[in-house]
Each structure stands twice: as C-alpha cells, then as structure tokens.
Amino acid sequence: MAFKFRQAMKIAPCLRLNVTHRGVSARVGPKGAGYTVNASGKQHISAGIPGSGIHVSEQIVPARNRRKVQWEEPTGEEAPPPSGNKLAYTLIGLAVIGGLVWLLF
C-alpha cells in the first residue's frame, strides 16, 4: 500500500502553494486556469471548467530543450500537419477570460 501526501495553501487570491510527497510547486491563476512551476523547474499551463471534470494541461518546454524538426515544404496535394494545440490554447484562453470576468464582477 502506497501512502501519498498533498497539501495546498492559498497564499493570495490567485496564488497557491502545493506541497506533496514529491516536492513543492506554485500555481498562479484564477479557478479553472493556471500556470504551475515545480521545484525542478518544470512548467505547466492548464485550463478547465470548474465542477465539470473537463480539464486540459500541457507542459511548457523551453525552446532550448525542444528537438529541432526540419520542415519539408508540402508538394502538390500534401497539406501541412494539423496543429493539435489549438483546442488547448482556446480552452486556456476562455478559462482565463472567464476567471478575470469573475474576479472583476
């Protein structure tokens, strides 16, 4: 049987400190959206609809750590690969805007 530990402390209205058995992390953002940095420096951005269970999260990889991919020009009938991040960024944007509207009104 594995034991786990997690404690979240609200430092300010949009700032939370999380302490777990794996380390410490800080989260900035309103309910439903946020930017998280953990003790090892990994960064995540996430958004969701509070109370619905719908949530999306993505790790932010610094440019210096990304693999360099060589892009080949499409020929004739080939189309460029679709971007899979549009939905994630749309949800994050909506959650951030909703959180800001909620805080202001």
PDB file of N, CA and C in Angstrom:
ATOM      1  N   MET A   1       0.841  -1.169   0.000  1.00  0.00           N
ATOM      2  CA  MET A   1       0.000   0.000   0.000  1.00  0.00           C
ATOM      3  C   MET A   1       0.891   1.239   0.000  1.00  0.00           C
ATOM      4  N   ALA A   2       0.599   2.185  -0.886  1.00  0.00           N
ATOM      5  CA  ALA A   2       1.391   3.400  -1.006  1.00  0.00           C
ATOM      6  C   ALA A   2       0.699   4.551  -0.275  1.00  0.00           C
ATOM      7  N   PHE A   3       1.476   5.301   0.461  1.00  0.00           N
ATOM      8  CA  PHE A   3       0.959   6.482   1.137  1.00  0.00           C
ATOM      9  C   PHE A   3       1.392   7.707   0.360  1.00  0.00           C
ATOM     10  N   LYS A   4       0.467   8.647   0.191  1.00  0.00           N
ATOM     11  CA  LYS A   4       0.771   9.887  -0.506  1.00  0.00           C
ATOM     12  C   LYS A   4       0.389  11.056   0.382  1.00  0.00           C
ATOM     13  N   PHE A   5       1.024  12.192   0.127  1.00  0.00           N
ATOM     14  CA  PHE A   5       0.767  13.389   0.905  1.00  0.00           C
ATOM     15  C   PHE A   5       0.571  14.550  -0.048  1.00  0.00           C
ATOM     16  N   ARG A   6      -0.425  15.388   0.198  1.00  0.00           N
ATOM     17  CA  ARG A   6      -0.659  16.585  -0.599  1.00  0.00           C
ATOM     18  C   ARG A   6      -1.311  17.637   0.281  1.00  0.00           C
ATOM     19  N   GLN A   7      -0.751  18.831   0.242  1.00  0.00           N
ATOM     20  CA  GLN A   7      -1.310  19.943   0.987  1.00  0.00           C
ATOM     21  C   GLN A   7      -1.242  21.191   0.115  1.00  0.00           C
ATOM     22  N   ALA A   8      -2.362  21.878  -0.056  1.00  0.00           N
ATOM     23  CA  ALA A   8      -2.415  23.106  -0.844  1.00  0.00           C
ATOM     24  C   ALA A   8      -2.713  24.272   0.087  1.00  0.00           C
ATOM     25  N   MET A   9      -1.927  25.335  -0.044  1.00  0.00           N
ATOM     26  CA  MET A   9      -2.105  26.517   0.793  1.00  0.00           C
ATOM     27  C   MET A   9      -2.340  27.732  -0.089  1.00  0.00           C
ATOM     28  N   LYS A  10      -3.403  28.462   0.191  1.00  0.00           N
ATOM     29  CA  LYS A  10      -3.708  29.675  -0.563  1.00  0.00           C
ATOM     30  C   LYS A  10      -2.896  30.819   0.042  1.00  0.00           C
ATOM     31  N   ILE A  11      -1.982  31.372  -0.751  1.00  0.00           N
ATOM     32  CA  ILE A  11      -1.108  32.446  -0.290  1.00  0.00           C
ATOM     33  C   ILE A  11      -1.757  33.809  -0.543  1.00  0.00           C
ATOM     34  N   ALA A  12      -2.355  33.973  -1.710  1.00  0.00           N
ATOM     35  CA  ALA A  12      -3.029  35.209  -2.123  1.00  0.00           C
ATOM     36  C   ALA A  12      -4.221  34.802  -2.987  1.00  0.00           C
ATOM     37  N   PRO A  13      -5.073  35.746  -3.414  1.00  0.00           N
ATOM     38  CA  PRO A  13      -6.262  35.370  -4.179  1.00  0.00           C
ATOM     39  C   PRO A  13      -6.002  34.487  -5.395  1.00  0.00           C
ATOM     40  N   CYS A  14      -4.927  34.675  -6.104  1.00  0.00           N
ATOM     41  CA  CYS A  14      -4.656  33.851  -7.295  1.00  0.00           C
ATOM     42  C   CYS A  14      -3.310  33.142  -7.195  1.00  0.00           C
ATOM     43  N   LEU A  15      -2.824  32.901  -5.993  1.00  0.00           N
ATOM     44  CA  LEU A  15      -1.529  32.244  -5.796  1.00  0.00           C
ATOM     45  C   LEU A  15      -1.683  31.109  -4.794  1.00  0.00           C
ATOM     46  N   ARG A  16      -1.265  29.915  -5.187  1.00  0.00           N
ATOM     47  CA  ARG A  16      -1.402  28.732  -4.348  1.00  0.00           C
ATOM     48  C   ARG A  16      -0.065  28.005  -4.284  1.00  0.00           C
ATOM     49  N   LEU A  17       0.278  27.518  -3.115  1.00  0.00           N
ATOM     50  CA  LEU A  17       1.491  26.731  -2.898  1.00  0.00           C
ATOM     51  C   LEU A  17       1.075  25.301  -2.605  1.00  0.00           C
ATOM     52  N   ASN A  18       1.568  24.350  -3.395  1.00  0.00           N
ATOM     53  CA  ASN A  18       1.237  22.942  -3.226  1.00  0.00           C
ATOM     54  C   ASN A  18       2.449  22.198  -2.692  1.00  0.00           C
ATOM     55  N   VAL A  19       2.248  21.416  -1.658  1.00  0.00           N
ATOM     56  CA  VAL A  19       3.309  20.598  -1.079  1.00  0.00           C
ATOM     57  C   VAL A  19       2.858  19.146  -1.165  1.00  0.00           C
ATOM     58  N   THR A  20       3.671  18.310  -1.812  1.00  0.00           N
ATOM     59  CA  THR A  20       3.351  16.893  -1.950  1.00  0.00           C
ATOM     60  C   THR A  20       4.536  16.061  -1.499  1.00  0.00           C
ATOM     61  N   HIS A  21       4.353  14.745  -1.556  1.00  0.00           N
ATOM     62  CA  HIS A  21       5.439  13.852  -1.197  1.00  0.00           C
ATOM     63  C   HIS A  21       6.586  13.935  -2.201  1.00  0.00           C
ATOM     64  N   ARG A  22       6.348  14.505  -3.379  1.00  0.00           N
ATOM     65  CA  ARG A  22       7.379  14.616  -4.415  1.00  0.00           C
ATOM     66  C   ARG A  22       8.088  15.964  -4.407  1.00  0.00           C
ATOM     67  N   GLY A  23       7.513  16.987  -3.757  1.00  0.00           N
ATOM     68  CA  GLY A  23       8.148  18.293  -3.735  1.00  0.00           C
ATOM     69  C   GLY A  23       7.146  19.422  -3.601  1.00  0.00           C
ATOM     70  N   VAL A  24       7.608  20.622  -3.939  1.00  0.00           N
ATOM     71  CA  VAL A  24       6.809  21.837  -3.791  1.00  0.00           C
ATOM     72  C   VAL A  24       6.561  22.434  -5.173  1.00  0.00           C
ATOM     73  N   SER A  25       5.381  23.008  -5.366  1.00  0.00           N
ATOM     74  CA  SER A  25       5.088  23.716  -6.610  1.00  0.00           C
ATOM     75  C   SER A  25       4.244  24.946  -6.292  1.00  0.00           C
ATOM     76  N   ALA A  26       4.284  25.911  -7.195  1.00  0.00           N
ATOM     77  CA  ALA A  26       3.497  27.135  -7.052  1.00  0.00           C
ATOM     78  C   ALA A  26       2.585  27.257  -8.254  1.00  0.00           C
ATOM     79  N   ARG A  27       1.342  27.674  -8.010  1.00  0.00           N
ATOM     80  CA  ARG A  27       0.351  27.823  -9.073  1.00  0.00           C
ATOM     81  C   ARG A  27      -0.205  29.234  -9.029  1.00  0.00           C
ATOM     82  N   VAL A  28      -0.252  29.884 -10.197  1.00  0.00           N
ATOM     83  CA  VAL A  28      -0.767  31.240 -10.323  1.00  0.00           C
ATOM     84  C   VAL A  28      -1.928  31.216 -11.302  1.00  0.00           C
ATOM     85  N   GLY A  29      -3.041  31.812 -10.924  1.00  0.00           N
ATOM     86  CA  GLY A  29      -4.181  31.909 -11.824  1.00  0.00           C
ATOM     87  C   GLY A  29      -5.490  31.733 -11.101  1.00  0.00           C
ATOM     88  N   PRO A  30      -6.574  32.160 -11.732  1.00  0.00           N
ATOM     89  CA  PRO A  30      -7.893  32.021 -11.124  1.00  0.00           C
ATOM     90  C   PRO A  30      -8.371  30.575 -11.178  1.00  0.00           C
ATOM     91  N   LYS A  31      -9.481  30.306 -10.529  1.00  0.00           N
ATOM     92  CA  LYS A  31     -10.059  28.968 -10.553  1.00  0.00           C
ATOM     93  C   LYS A  31     -10.374  28.587 -11.998  1.00  0.00           C
ATOM     94  N   GLY A  32      -9.914  27.438 -12.425  1.00  0.00           N
ATOM     95  CA  GLY A  32     -10.178  26.980 -13.777  1.00  0.00           C
ATOM     96  C   GLY A  32      -9.051  27.217 -14.759  1.00  0.00           C
ATOM     97  N   ALA A  33      -8.042  27.984 -14.380  1.00  0.00           N
ATOM     98  CA  ALA A  33      -6.910  28.229 -15.275  1.00  0.00           C
ATOM     99  C   ALA A  33      -5.679  28.482 -14.426  1.00  0.00           C
ATOM    100  N   GLY A  34      -4.517  28.192 -14.964  1.00  0.00           N
ATOM    101  CA  GLY A  34      -3.340  28.481 -14.174  1.00  0.00           C
ATOM    102  C   GLY A  34      -2.032  28.126 -14.841  1.00  0.00           C
ATOM    103  N   TYR A  35      -0.979  28.622 -14.220  1.00  0.00           N
ATOM    104  CA  TYR A  35       0.396  28.404 -14.633  1.00  0.00           C
ATOM    105  C   TYR A  35       1.095  27.833 -13.410  1.00  0.00           C
ATOM    106  N   THR A  36       1.740  26.677 -13.557  1.00  0.00           N
ATOM    107  CA  THR A  36       2.364  25.989 -12.437  1.00  0.00           C
ATOM    108  C   THR A  36       3.845  25.789 -12.694  1.00  0.00           C
ATOM    109  N   VAL A  37       4.654  26.009 -11.659  1.00  0.00           N
ATOM    110  CA  VAL A  37       6.090  25.738 -11.719  1.00  0.00           C
ATOM    111  C   VAL A  37       6.420  24.884 -10.515  1.00  0.00           C
ATOM    112  N   ASN A  38       7.135  23.753 -10.747  1.00  0.00           N
ATOM    113  CA  ASN A  38       7.510  22.907  -9.614  1.00  0.00           C
ATOM    114  C   ASN A  38       8.961  23.161  -9.227  1.00  0.00           C
ATOM    115  N   ALA A  39       9.412  22.473  -8.198  1.00  0.00           N
ATOM    116  CA  ALA A  39      10.744  22.709  -7.646  1.00  0.00           C
ATOM    117  C   ALA A  39      11.857  22.384  -8.632  1.00  0.00           C
ATOM    118  N   SER A  40      11.625  21.446  -9.550  1.00  0.00           N
ATOM    119  CA  SER A  40      12.669  21.101 -10.515  1.00  0.00           C
ATOM    120  C   SER A  40      12.649  22.017 -11.737  1.00  0.00           C
ATOM    121  N   GLY A  41      11.709  22.970 -11.791  1.00  0.00           N
ATOM    122  CA  GLY A  41      11.670  23.939 -12.866  1.00  0.00           C
ATOM    123  C   GLY A  41      10.716  23.611 -13.996  1.00  0.00           C
ATOM    124  N   LYS A  42      10.023  22.480 -13.936  1.00  0.00           N
ATOM    125  CA  LYS A  42       9.067  22.148 -14.984  1.00  0.00           C
ATOM    126  C   LYS A  42       7.873  23.092 -14.903  1.00  0.00           C
ATOM    127  N   GLN A  43       7.401  23.519 -16.077  1.00  0.00           N
ATOM    128  CA  GLN A  43       6.311  24.480 -16.149  1.00  0.00           C
ATOM    129  C   GLN A  43       5.121  23.855 -16.861  1.00  0.00           C
ATOM    130  N   HIS A  44       3.927  24.107 -16.342  1.00  0.00           N
ATOM    131  CA  HIS A  44       2.693  23.607 -16.950  1.00  0.00           C
ATOM    132  C   HIS A  44       1.690  24.742 -17.035  1.00  0.00           C
ATOM    133  N   ILE A  45       0.860  24.691 -18.058  1.00  0.00           N
ATOM    134  CA  ILE A  45      -0.252  25.615 -18.186  1.00  0.00           C
ATOM    135  C   ILE A  45      -1.499  24.757 -18.325  1.00  0.00           C
ATOM    136  N   SER A  46      -2.563  25.147 -17.643  1.00  0.00           N
ATOM    137  CA  SER A  46      -3.758  24.304 -17.649  1.00  0.00           C
ATOM    138  C   SER A  46      -5.019  25.155 -17.600  1.00  0.00           C
ATOM    139  N   ALA A  47      -6.095  24.546 -18.054  1.00  0.00           N
ATOM    140  CA  ALA A  47      -7.399  25.208 -18.027  1.00  0.00           C
ATOM    141  C   ALA A  47      -8.482  24.159 -17.912  1.00  0.00           C
ATOM    142  N   GLY A  48      -9.583  24.542 -17.329  1.00  0.00           N
ATOM    143  CA  GLY A  48     -10.704  23.631 -17.192  1.00  0.00           C
ATOM    144  C   GLY A  48     -11.955  24.378 -16.816  1.00  0.00           C
ATOM    145  N   ILE A  49     -13.043  23.665 -16.822  1.00  0.00           N
ATOM    146  CA  ILE A  49     -14.315  24.236 -16.404  1.00  0.00           C
ATOM    147  C   ILE A  49     -14.590  23.715 -14.999  1.00  0.00           C
ATOM    148  N   PRO A  50     -14.530  24.579 -13.975  1.00  0.00           N
ATOM    149  CA  PRO A  50     -14.685  24.118 -12.600  1.00  0.00           C
ATOM    150  C   PRO A  50     -15.995  23.363 -12.374  1.00  0.00           C
ATOM    151  N   GLY A  51     -15.899  22.220 -11.707  1.00  0.00           N
ATOM    152  CA  GLY A  51     -17.065  21.424 -11.369  1.00  0.00           C
ATOM    153  C   GLY A  51     -17.528  20.477 -12.458  1.00  0.00           C
ATOM    154  N   SER A  52     -16.933  20.561 -13.650  1.00  0.00           N
ATOM    155  CA  SER A  52     -17.388  19.719 -14.756  1.00  0.00           C
ATOM    156  C   SER A  52     -16.515  18.493 -14.977  1.00  0.00           C
ATOM    157  N   GLY A  53     -15.272  18.538 -14.519  1.00  0.00           N
ATOM    158  CA  GLY A  53     -14.352  17.443 -14.774  1.00  0.00           C
ATOM    159  C   GLY A  53     -13.616  17.590 -16.094  1.00  0.00           C
ATOM    160  N   ILE A  54     -13.929  18.629 -16.868  1.00  0.00           N
ATOM    161  CA  ILE A  54     -13.243  18.875 -18.141  1.00  0.00           C
ATOM    162  C   ILE A  54     -12.004  19.706 -17.846  1.00  0.00           C
ATOM    163  N   HIS A  55     -10.854  19.199 -18.256  1.00  0.00           N
ATOM    164  CA  HIS A  55      -9.588  19.823 -17.907  1.00  0.00           C
ATOM    165  C   HIS A  55      -8.552  19.494 -18.969  1.00  0.00           C
ATOM    166  N   VAL A  56      -7.700  20.447 -19.290  1.00  0.00           N
ATOM    167  CA  VAL A  56      -6.602  20.216 -20.221  1.00  0.00           C
ATOM    168  C   VAL A  56      -5.342  20.820 -19.602  1.00  0.00           C
ATOM    169  N   SER A  57      -4.229  20.121 -19.758  1.00  0.00           N
ATOM    170  CA  SER A  57      -2.967  20.570 -19.199  1.00  0.00           C
ATOM    171  C   SER A  57      -1.852  20.250 -20.180  1.00  0.00           C
ATOM    172  N   GLU A  58      -0.882  21.149 -20.262  1.00  0.00           N
ATOM    173  CA  GLU A  58       0.227  20.935 -21.184  1.00  0.00           C
ATOM    174  C   GLU A  58       1.509  21.449 -20.550  1.00  0.00           C
ATOM    175  N   GLN A  59       2.580  20.680 -20.706  1.00  0.00           N
ATOM    176  CA  GLN A  59       3.872  21.101 -20.185  1.00  0.00           C
ATOM    177  C   GLN A  59       4.497  22.079 -21.165  1.00  0.00           C
ATOM    178  N   ILE A  60       5.074  23.140 -20.631  1.00  0.00           N
ATOM    179  CA  ILE A  60       5.761  24.124 -21.450  1.00  0.00           C
ATOM    180  C   ILE A  60       7.222  23.708 -21.510  1.00  0.00           C
ATOM    181  N   VAL A  61       7.722  23.499 -22.713  1.00  0.00           N
ATOM    182  CA  VAL A  61       9.107  23.077 -22.894  1.00  0.00           C
ATOM    183  C   VAL A  61       9.890  24.278 -23.408  1.00  0.00           C
ATOM    184  N   PRO A  62      10.946  24.694 -22.693  1.00  0.00           N
ATOM    185  CA  PRO A  62      11.738  25.834 -23.160  1.00  0.00           C
ATOM    186  C   PRO A  62      12.312  25.570 -24.551  1.00  0.00           C
ATOM    187  N   ALA A  63      12.493  26.627 -25.318  1.00  0.00           N
ATOM    188  CA  ALA A  63      12.973  26.498 -26.697  1.00  0.00           C
ATOM    189  C   ALA A  63      14.311  25.783 -26.764  1.00  0.00           C
ATOM    190  N   ARG A  64      15.173  25.969 -25.798  1.00  0.00           N
ATOM    191  CA  ARG A  64      16.494  25.335 -25.844  1.00  0.00           C
ATOM    192  C   ARG A  64      16.413  23.819 -25.666  1.00  0.00           C
ATOM    193  N   ASN A  65      15.297  23.308 -25.118  1.00  0.00           N
ATOM    194  CA  ASN A  65      15.153  21.873 -24.904  1.00  0.00           C
ATOM    195  C   ASN A  65      14.339  21.171 -25.998  1.00  0.00           C
ATOM    196  N   ARG A  66      13.758  21.936 -26.911  1.00  0.00           N
ATOM    197  CA  ARG A  66      12.949  21.334 -27.964  1.00  0.00           C
ATOM    198  C   ARG A  66      13.838  20.695 -29.010  1.00  0.00           C
ATOM    199  N   ARG A  67      13.367  19.575 -29.549  1.00  0.00           N
ATOM    200  CA  ARG A  67      14.076  18.940 -30.654  1.00  0.00           C
ATOM    201  C   ARG A  67      13.887  19.775 -31.896  1.00  0.00           C
ATOM    202  N   LYS A  68      14.936  19.898 -32.670  1.00  0.00           N
ATOM    203  CA  LYS A  68      14.823  20.635 -33.916  1.00  0.00           C
ATOM    204  C   LYS A  68      14.255  19.707 -34.975  1.00  0.00           C
ATOM    205  N   VAL A  69      13.125  20.103 -35.526  1.00  0.00           N
ATOM    206  CA  VAL A  69      12.468  19.330 -36.575  1.00  0.00           C
ATOM    207  C   VAL A  69      12.615  20.092 -37.872  1.00  0.00           C
ATOM    208  N   GLN A  70      13.111  19.402 -38.879  1.00  0.00           N
ATOM    209  CA  GLN A  70      13.256  20.056 -40.172  1.00  0.00           C
ATOM    210  C   GLN A  70      11.935  19.975 -40.909  1.00  0.00           C
ATOM    211  N   TRP A  71      11.459  21.114 -41.359  1.00  0.00           N
ATOM    212  CA  TRP A  71      10.182  21.196 -42.049  1.00  0.00           C
ATOM    213  C   TRP A  71      10.428  21.048 -43.538  1.00  0.00           C
ATOM    214  N   GLU A  72       9.670  20.152 -44.160  1.00  0.00           N
ATOM    215  CA  GLU A  72       9.757  19.982 -45.602  1.00  0.00           C
ATOM    216  C   GLU A  72       8.563  20.674 -46.231  1.00  0.00           C
ATOM    217  N   GLU A  73       8.806  21.392 -47.283  1.00  0.00           N
ATOM    218  CA  GLU A  73       7.728  22.093 -47.982  1.00  0.00           C
ATOM    219  C   GLU A  73       6.740  21.083 -48.553  1.00  0.00           C
ATOM    220  N   PRO A  74       5.429  21.311 -48.375  1.00  0.00           N
ATOM    221  CA  PRO A  74       4.446  20.400 -48.954  1.00  0.00           C
ATOM    222  C   PRO A  74       4.472  20.481 -50.484  1.00  0.00           C
ATOM    223  N   THR A  75       4.273  19.356 -51.112  1.00  0.00           N
ATOM    224  CA  THR A  75       4.267  19.313 -52.571  1.00  0.00           C
ATOM    225  C   THR A  75       2.885  18.895 -53.049  1.00  0.00           C
ATOM    226  N   GLY A  76       2.379  19.584 -54.034  1.00  0.00           N
ATOM    227  CA  GLY A  76       1.131  19.208 -54.681  1.00  0.00           C
ATOM    228  C   GLY A  76      -0.042  19.074 -53.735  1.00  0.00           C
ATOM    229  N   GLU A  77      -0.503  17.831 -53.529  1.00  0.00           N
ATOM    230  CA  GLU A  77      -1.723  17.570 -52.773  1.00  0.00           C
ATOM    231  C   GLU A  77      -1.507  17.445 -51.266  1.00  0.00           C
ATOM    232  N   GLU A  78      -0.260  17.413 -50.822  1.00  0.00           N
ATOM    233  CA  GLU A  78       0.023  17.262 -49.397  1.00  0.00           C
ATOM    234  C   GLU A  78      -0.305  18.552 -48.659  1.00  0.00           C
ATOM    235  N   ALA A  79      -0.814  18.403 -47.456  1.00  0.00           N
ATOM    236  CA  ALA A  79      -1.134  19.560 -46.616  1.00  0.00           C
ATOM    237  C   ALA A  79      -0.210  19.546 -45.409  1.00  0.00           C
ATOM    238  N   PRO A  80       0.067  20.705 -44.813  1.00  0.00           N
ATOM    239  CA  PRO A  80       0.901  20.720 -43.608  1.00  0.00           C
ATOM    240  C   PRO A  80       0.206  19.983 -42.469  1.00  0.00           C
ATOM    241  N   PRO A  81       0.977  19.439 -41.532  1.00  0.00           N
ATOM    242  CA  PRO A  81       0.364  18.713 -40.421  1.00  0.00           C
ATOM    243  C   PRO A  81      -0.513  19.629 -39.578  1.00  0.00           C
ATOM    244  N   PRO A  82      -1.651  19.116 -39.073  1.00  0.00           N
ATOM    245  CA  PRO A  82      -2.529  19.950 -38.256  1.00  0.00           C
ATOM    246  C   PRO A  82      -1.903  20.260 -36.901  1.00  0.00           C
ATOM    247  N   SER A  83      -2.233  21.411 -36.366  1.00  0.00           N
ATOM    248  CA  SER A  83      -1.735  21.804 -35.056  1.00  0.00           C
ATOM    249  C   SER A  83      -2.688  21.278 -33.990  1.00  0.00           C
ATOM    250  N   GLY A  84      -2.193  20.434 -33.102  1.00  0.00           N
ATOM    251  CA  GLY A  84      -3.031  19.837 -32.076  1.00  0.00           C
ATOM    252  C   GLY A  84      -3.209  20.713 -30.853  1.00  0.00           C
ATOM    253  N   ASN A  85      -2.519  21.844 -30.792  1.00  0.00           N
ATOM    254  CA  ASN A  85      -2.562  22.684 -29.602  1.00  0.00           C
ATOM    255  C   ASN A  85      -3.641  23.752 -29.657  1.00  0.00           C
ATOM    256  N   LYS A  86      -4.348  23.899 -30.775  1.00  0.00           N
ATOM    257  CA  LYS A  86      -5.341  24.966 -30.890  1.00  0.00           C
ATOM    258  C   LYS A  86      -6.458  24.822 -29.865  1.00  0.00           C
ATOM    259  N   LEU A  87      -6.940  23.605 -29.649  1.00  0.00           N
ATOM    260  CA  LEU A  87      -8.006  23.376 -28.680  1.00  0.00           C
ATOM    261  C   LEU A  87      -7.530  23.703 -27.266  1.00  0.00           C
ATOM    262  N   ALA A  88      -6.325  23.274 -26.924  1.00  0.00           N
ATOM    263  CA  ALA A  88      -5.787  23.533 -25.591  1.00  0.00           C
ATOM    264  C   ALA A  88      -5.668  25.029 -25.337  1.00  0.00           C
ATOM    265  N   TYR A  89      -5.110  25.770 -26.300  1.00  0.00           N
ATOM    266  CA  TYR A  89      -4.938  27.197 -26.113  1.00  0.00           C
ATOM    267  C   TYR A  89      -6.278  27.933 -26.106  1.00  0.00           C
ATOM    268  N   THR A  90      -7.249  27.450 -26.873  1.00  0.00           N
ATOM    269  CA  THR A  90      -8.584  28.051 -26.859  1.00  0.00           C
ATOM    270  C   THR A  90      -9.234  27.876 -25.497  1.00  0.00           C
ATOM    271  N   LEU A  91      -9.163  26.655 -24.939  1.00  0.00           N
ATOM    272  CA  LEU A  91      -9.742  26.408 -23.615  1.00  0.00           C
ATOM    273  C   LEU A  91      -9.041  27.226 -22.543  1.00  0.00           C
ATOM    274  N   ILE A  92      -7.726  27.315 -22.625  1.00  0.00           N
ATOM    275  CA  ILE A  92      -6.974  28.090 -21.643  1.00  0.00           C
ATOM    276  C   ILE A  92      -7.378  29.562 -21.723  1.00  0.00           C
ATOM    277  N   GLY A  93      -7.484  30.081 -22.930  1.00  0.00           N
ATOM    278  CA  GLY A  93      -7.888  31.474 -23.107  1.00  0.00           C
ATOM    279  C   GLY A  93      -9.275  31.741 -22.558  1.00  0.00           C
ATOM    280  N   LEU A  94     -10.221  30.850 -22.840  1.00  0.00           N
ATOM    281  CA  LEU A  94     -11.578  31.016 -22.330  1.00  0.00           C
ATOM    282  C   LEU A  94     -11.622  30.953 -20.810  1.00  0.00           C
ATOM    283  N   ALA A  95     -10.864  30.039 -20.227  1.00  0.00           N
ATOM    284  CA  ALA A  95     -10.853  29.919 -18.772  1.00  0.00           C
ATOM    285  C   ALA A  95     -10.230  31.149 -18.122  1.00  0.00           C
ATOM    286  N   VAL A  96      -9.153  31.664 -18.696  1.00  0.00           N
ATOM    287  CA  VAL A  96      -8.509  32.858 -18.142  1.00  0.00           C
ATOM    288  C   VAL A  96      -9.450  34.056 -18.237  1.00  0.00           C
ATOM    289  N   ILE A  97     -10.093  34.228 -19.394  1.00  0.00           N
ATOM    290  CA  ILE A  97     -11.034  35.341 -19.562  1.00  0.00           C
ATOM    291  C   ILE A  97     -12.209  35.199 -18.594  1.00  0.00           C
ATOM    292  N   GLY A  98     -12.732  33.979 -18.468  1.00  0.00           N
ATOM    293  CA  GLY A  98     -13.830  33.752 -17.529  1.00  0.00           C
ATOM    294  C   GLY A  98     -13.428  34.036 -16.095  1.00  0.00           C
ATOM    295  N   GLY A  99     -12.212  33.635 -15.718  1.00  0.00           N
ATOM    296  CA  GLY A  99     -11.722  33.905 -14.368  1.00  0.00           C
ATOM    297  C   GLY A  99     -11.552  35.387 -14.108  1.00  0.00           C
ATOM    298  N   LEU A 100     -11.037  36.108 -15.101  1.00  0.00           N
ATOM    299  CA  LEU A 100     -10.861  37.549 -14.926  1.00  0.00           C
ATOM    300  C   LEU A 100     -12.209  38.257 -14.823  1.00  0.00           C
ATOM    301  N   VAL A 101     -13.175  37.853 -15.651  1.00  0.00           N
ATOM    302  CA  VAL A 101     -14.506  38.452 -15.573  1.00  0.00           C
ATOM    303  C   VAL A 101     -15.120  38.163 -14.212  1.00  0.00           C
ATOM    304  N   TRP A 102     -14.944  36.931 -13.716  1.00  0.00           N
ATOM    305  CA  TRP A 102     -15.484  36.553 -12.418  1.00  0.00           C
ATOM    306  C   TRP A 102     -14.852  37.401 -11.301  1.00  0.00           C
ATOM    307  N   LEU A 103     -13.541  37.635 -11.405  1.00  0.00           N
ATOM    308  CA  LEU A 103     -12.859  38.449 -10.375  1.00  0.00           C
ATOM    309  C   LEU A 103     -13.294  39.908 -10.421  1.00  0.00           C
ATOM    310  N   LEU A 104     -13.549  40.426 -11.605  1.00  0.00           N
ATOM    311  CA  LEU A 104     -13.899  41.836 -11.736  1.00  0.00           C
ATOM    312  C   LEU A 104     -15.343  42.140 -11.351  1.00  0.00           C
ATOM    313  N   PHE A 105     -16.230  41.171 -11.530  1.00  0.00           N
ATOM    314  CA  PHE A 105     -17.651  41.426 -11.260  1.00  0.00           C
ATOM    315  C   PHE A 105     -18.086  40.604 -10.143  1.00  0.00           C
TER     316      PHE A 105
END
